Amino acid sequence: MKEKIREIIGKAREEGRNFLLEMEAEEIFKLYQIPVPETVLVEKEENLVSSGEKLGFPLVMKIVSPQVIHKTDVGGVKVGIKSKEDLLSAYKSMIGEVQDKVSGAEIKGVLLQKMAPSGGREVVLGGLKDPTFGPVVMFGLGGIWVEVLKDVSFRVAPINETEAREMVDEIKGKKILEGVRGEKPVDFVSLCETIANFSRMVYDFPEFKEVDANPVFLYSDSLLCVDARIILE
């Protein structure tokens, strides 16, 4: 497993990138049993519709370019694609926006992802290298909660599932995960396993400067990380 991941890192280095493409990051996440959506890389427009229909609608489309790290900032993400007509329209719009906003962008294709089911509660996982403590893992509520309330907890990596549960219990918004107004609680077992696996990934590879799983959607019987980002040293 580690040999495969070092190959992915080596390829990025050879191409002069200090970050991994999302499909590369997702491949690493999967090797650490971090659930990600079913995804396919489409390199040519003529394969777009057949790939979309094979995955099944609704879909999310994301740009794949070595020059684009923050895809949403340049129109590189389209969600809620419900038909082949939507798919073709979203593709043309996305390519145009990215080329307009990122001069000279090399577009390798687009990622098509099966859209996550509705109703998930949103959390975020992060990893970084602290100058004092080394690899550190962060957990918190996602979306506006992490930006506005800073409701997060930290641990030095790696951690086990018991320590992961302690992280979850520390955040003020834990009641949202336990369920309010008749909602079922999220799958805490899968969540804690995922946090522990994420921490081991961060610990195993000192080459990783920053790692983000944001957002992660939590359900009563599963979870899904719908965006993966890895920045290299």
Protein backbone atom coordinates (compact mmCIF):
# COMPACT_ATOMS: atom_id res chain seq x y z
CA MET A 1 0.00 0.00 0.00
CA LYS A 2 2.69 2.47 1.02
CA GLU A 3 4.68 1.70 -2.13
CA LYS A 4 1.65 2.59 -4.27
CA ILE A 5 1.18 5.87 -2.40
CA ARG A 6 4.86 6.76 -2.83
CA GLU A 7 4.42 6.20 -6.58
CA ILE A 8 1.56 8.71 -6.57
CA ILE A 9 3.69 11.22 -4.64
CA GLY A 10 6.62 10.62 -6.99
CA LYS A 11 4.48 11.30 -10.05
CA ALA A 12 3.38 14.64 -8.58
CA ARG A 13 6.99 15.56 -7.85
CA GLU A 14 8.04 14.68 -11.40
CA GLU A 15 5.31 16.96 -12.76
CA GLY A 16 6.44 19.80 -10.50
CA ARG A 17 3.29 19.74 -8.34
CA ASN A 18 3.25 20.35 -4.59
CA PHE A 19 -0.28 18.95 -4.37
CA LEU A 20 -2.10 15.82 -5.47
CA LEU A 21 -4.92 15.84 -7.98
CA GLU A 22 -8.22 14.95 -6.36
CA MET A 23 -8.38 11.55 -8.02
CA GLU A 24 -4.91 10.80 -6.59
CA ALA A 25 -5.94 11.95 -3.11
CA GLU A 26 -9.11 9.87 -3.32
CA GLU A 27 -7.09 6.79 -4.28
CA ILE A 28 -4.99 7.25 -1.14
CA PHE A 29 -8.11 7.79 0.98
CA LYS A 30 -9.54 4.51 -0.30
CA LEU A 31 -6.33 2.66 0.59
CA TYR A 32 -6.87 3.85 4.18
CA GLN A 33 -10.55 2.77 4.18
CA ILE A 34 -11.83 6.34 4.09
CA PRO A 35 -15.09 6.12 2.09
CA VAL A 36 -15.29 8.29 -1.04
CA PRO A 37 -17.96 8.48 -3.77
CA GLU A 38 -17.85 6.36 -6.89
CA THR A 39 -15.78 8.46 -9.29
CA VAL A 40 -14.61 8.26 -12.90
CA LEU A 41 -12.10 10.38 -14.81
CA VAL A 42 -13.39 11.54 -18.20
CA GLU A 43 -10.59 12.79 -20.44
CA LYS A 44 -12.57 13.35 -23.66
CA GLU A 45 -15.89 15.10 -24.18
CA GLU A 46 -17.19 12.29 -26.39
CA ASN A 47 -17.02 9.91 -23.41
CA LEU A 48 -18.91 12.26 -21.09
CA VAL A 49 -22.48 11.07 -21.59
CA SER A 50 -21.70 7.34 -21.56
CA SER A 51 -19.65 7.74 -18.37
CA GLY A 52 -22.39 9.81 -16.72
CA GLU A 53 -25.13 7.36 -17.60
CA LYS A 54 -23.02 4.46 -16.33
CA LEU A 55 -22.55 6.17 -12.94
CA GLY A 56 -26.18 7.27 -12.79
CA PHE A 57 -27.66 10.70 -12.11
CA PRO A 58 -27.57 13.00 -10.16
CA LEU A 59 -23.87 13.75 -10.56
CA VAL A 60 -21.16 16.16 -9.49
CA MET A 61 -18.53 17.32 -12.00
CA LYS A 62 -15.07 18.62 -11.01
CA ILE A 63 -12.26 20.01 -13.13
CA VAL A 64 -8.93 18.14 -13.27
CA SER A 65 -6.03 20.51 -13.83
CA PRO A 66 -2.52 20.76 -12.32
CA GLN A 67 -2.99 24.54 -12.19
CA VAL A 68 -6.22 24.40 -10.18
CA ILE A 69 -6.14 23.57 -6.46
CA HIS A 70 -9.23 25.45 -5.25
CA LYS A 71 -11.75 24.32 -7.84
CA THR A 72 -14.83 26.16 -6.57
CA ASP A 73 -13.04 29.52 -6.79
CA VAL A 74 -12.75 29.26 -10.58
CA GLY A 75 -16.03 27.55 -11.48
CA GLY A 76 -14.45 24.11 -11.43
CA VAL A 77 -17.28 22.32 -9.60
CA LYS A 78 -20.83 21.71 -10.83
CA VAL A 79 -23.40 19.91 -8.67
CA GLY A 80 -26.91 18.59 -9.13
CA ILE A 81 -26.45 17.36 -12.72
CA LYS A 82 -29.65 15.43 -13.41
CA SER A 83 -29.57 14.54 -17.12
CA LYS A 84 -27.27 14.16 -20.12
CA GLU A 85 -28.40 17.60 -21.29
CA ASP A 86 -27.37 19.08 -17.92
CA LEU A 87 -24.09 17.18 -18.18
CA LEU A 88 -23.11 18.59 -21.57
CA SER A 89 -24.18 22.10 -20.59
CA ALA A 90 -22.25 21.94 -17.30
CA TYR A 91 -19.15 20.68 -19.10
CA LYS A 92 -19.08 23.51 -21.63
CA SER A 93 -19.76 26.08 -18.92
CA MET A 94 -17.05 24.69 -16.63
CA ILE A 95 -14.35 24.50 -19.29
CA GLY A 96 -15.12 28.06 -20.37
CA GLU A 97 -15.04 29.44 -16.82
CA VAL A 98 -11.79 27.70 -15.88
CA GLN A 99 -10.00 28.74 -19.07
CA ASP A 100 -11.19 32.30 -18.55
CA LYS A 101 -10.09 32.51 -14.90
CA VAL A 102 -6.88 30.43 -15.00
CA SER A 103 -4.74 31.54 -17.91
CA GLY A 104 -2.89 28.63 -19.51
CA ALA A 105 -4.62 25.96 -17.42
CA GLU A 106 -3.85 22.45 -18.64
CA ILE A 107 -7.16 20.60 -18.45
CA LYS A 108 -6.66 16.86 -18.10
CA GLY A 109 -10.39 16.16 -18.05
CA VAL A 110 -13.18 16.14 -15.49
CA LEU A 111 -14.12 13.94 -12.58
CA LEU A 112 -17.67 12.66 -12.47
CA GLN A 113 -18.93 11.62 -9.05
CA LYS A 114 -22.14 10.07 -7.92
CA MET A 115 -23.80 12.80 -5.87
CA ALA A 116 -23.97 12.09 -2.13
CA PRO A 117 -27.44 11.32 -0.74
CA SER A 118 -29.28 14.23 0.83
CA GLY A 119 -29.75 14.54 4.58
CA GLY A 120 -26.16 14.01 5.64
CA ARG A 121 -24.73 15.99 8.51
CA GLU A 122 -21.52 17.75 7.53
CA VAL A 123 -18.18 17.44 9.31
CA VAL A 124 -14.57 18.09 8.37
CA LEU A 125 -11.31 16.21 8.96
CA GLY A 126 -7.93 17.86 8.67
CA GLY A 127 -4.30 16.96 9.07
CA LEU A 128 -1.26 19.19 9.33
CA LYS A 129 2.33 19.22 10.52
CA ASP A 130 2.72 21.19 13.72
CA PRO A 131 6.27 22.53 14.28
CA THR A 132 6.19 21.32 17.89
CA PHE A 133 4.02 18.20 17.93
CA GLY A 134 4.48 16.89 14.39
CA PRO A 135 1.50 15.27 12.60
CA VAL A 136 -1.81 16.50 14.07
CA VAL A 137 -5.40 15.54 13.20
CA MET A 138 -8.42 17.86 13.49
CA PHE A 139 -12.14 17.10 13.64
CA GLY A 140 -15.10 19.47 13.65
CA LEU A 141 -18.51 20.31 12.30
CA GLY A 142 -18.36 21.28 8.64
CA GLY A 143 -19.75 24.09 6.53
CA ILE A 144 -20.31 27.43 8.25
CA TRP A 145 -19.80 25.85 11.67
CA VAL A 146 -16.08 25.28 11.23
CA GLU A 147 -15.62 28.73 9.65
CA VAL A 148 -17.71 30.76 12.10
CA LEU A 149 -17.72 28.85 15.39
CA LYS A 150 -14.30 27.16 15.12
CA ASP A 151 -15.90 24.18 16.88
CA VAL A 152 -13.02 21.73 16.44
CA SER A 153 -10.85 19.33 18.43
CA PHE A 154 -7.23 18.24 17.88
CA ARG A 155 -5.01 15.24 18.64
CA VAL A 156 -1.43 14.30 17.88
CA ALA A 157 -1.50 11.51 15.29
CA PRO A 158 -1.87 8.59 15.17
CA ILE A 159 -4.90 7.84 17.34
CA ASN A 160 -7.21 4.85 17.83
CA GLU A 161 -11.01 4.66 17.70
CA THR A 162 -11.39 5.35 21.43
CA GLU A 163 -9.35 8.53 21.18
CA ALA A 164 -11.31 9.47 18.05
CA ARG A 165 -14.55 9.20 20.02
CA GLU A 166 -13.07 11.52 22.65
CA MET A 167 -12.41 14.06 19.88
CA VAL A 168 -16.03 13.82 18.75
CA ASP A 169 -17.34 14.19 22.30
CA GLU A 170 -15.27 17.35 22.84
CA ILE A 171 -16.98 19.52 20.21
CA LYS A 172 -19.86 21.72 21.34
CA GLY A 173 -22.00 20.68 18.38
CA LYS A 174 -22.02 16.98 19.29
CA LYS A 175 -25.78 17.13 19.86
CA ILE A 176 -26.25 17.83 16.14
CA LEU A 177 -24.59 14.48 15.43
CA GLU A 178 -26.64 12.71 18.10
CA GLY A 179 -29.83 13.85 16.40
CA VAL A 180 -32.29 16.64 17.11
CA ARG A 181 -36.04 16.92 16.45
CA GLY A 182 -36.48 13.25 15.67
CA GLU A 183 -33.33 12.77 13.61
CA LYS A 184 -31.44 9.53 14.00
CA PRO A 185 -27.90 9.73 15.39
CA VAL A 186 -25.07 9.45 12.89
CA ASP A 187 -23.00 6.27 12.56
CA PHE A 188 -20.47 7.01 15.31
CA VAL A 189 -18.67 3.68 14.83
CA SER A 190 -17.87 4.43 11.18
CA LEU A 191 -17.00 8.02 12.05
CA CYS A 192 -14.47 7.03 14.72
CA GLU A 193 -12.94 4.34 12.50
CA THR A 194 -12.54 6.92 9.74
CA ILE A 195 -10.94 9.51 12.04
CA ALA A 196 -8.47 6.87 13.27
CA ASN A 197 -7.66 5.75 9.71
CA PHE A 198 -7.23 9.37 8.65
CA SER A 199 -4.82 9.98 11.55
CA ARG A 200 -2.72 6.96 10.55
CA MET A 201 -2.54 8.23 6.96
CA VAL A 202 -1.35 11.65 8.18
CA TYR A 203 1.22 9.99 10.47
CA ASP A 204 2.53 7.50 7.90
CA PHE A 205 3.46 10.13 5.33
CA PRO A 206 5.57 13.04 6.59
CA GLU A 207 5.53 14.24 2.96
CA PHE A 208 1.94 15.41 3.57
CA LYS A 209 1.96 19.04 4.66
CA GLU A 210 -1.83 19.44 4.76
CA VAL A 211 -4.67 16.95 4.30
CA ASP A 212 -8.37 17.82 4.16
CA ALA A 213 -11.50 15.70 3.96
CA ASN A 214 -14.10 18.43 3.58
CA PRO A 215 -16.96 17.92 3.61
CA VAL A 216 -17.64 14.50 5.06
CA PHE A 217 -21.36 13.68 5.09
CA LEU A 218 -22.55 11.56 8.01
CA TYR A 219 -25.63 9.32 7.85
CA SER A 220 -27.28 6.98 10.33
CA ASP A 221 -25.57 3.92 8.82
CA SER A 222 -22.56 5.24 6.84
CA LEU A 223 -20.46 8.24 5.86
CA LEU A 224 -18.96 9.66 2.68
CA CYS A 225 -16.01 11.99 2.11
CA VAL A 226 -16.94 13.98 -0.99
CA ASP A 227 -13.82 16.11 -1.34
CA ALA A 228 -10.19 15.10 -0.75
CA ARG A 229 -7.17 17.42 -0.76
CA ILE A 230 -3.49 16.68 -0.06
CA ILE A 231 -0.75 19.31 -0.12
CA LEU A 232 2.86 18.08 -0.18
CA GLU A 233 5.88 19.48 1.62
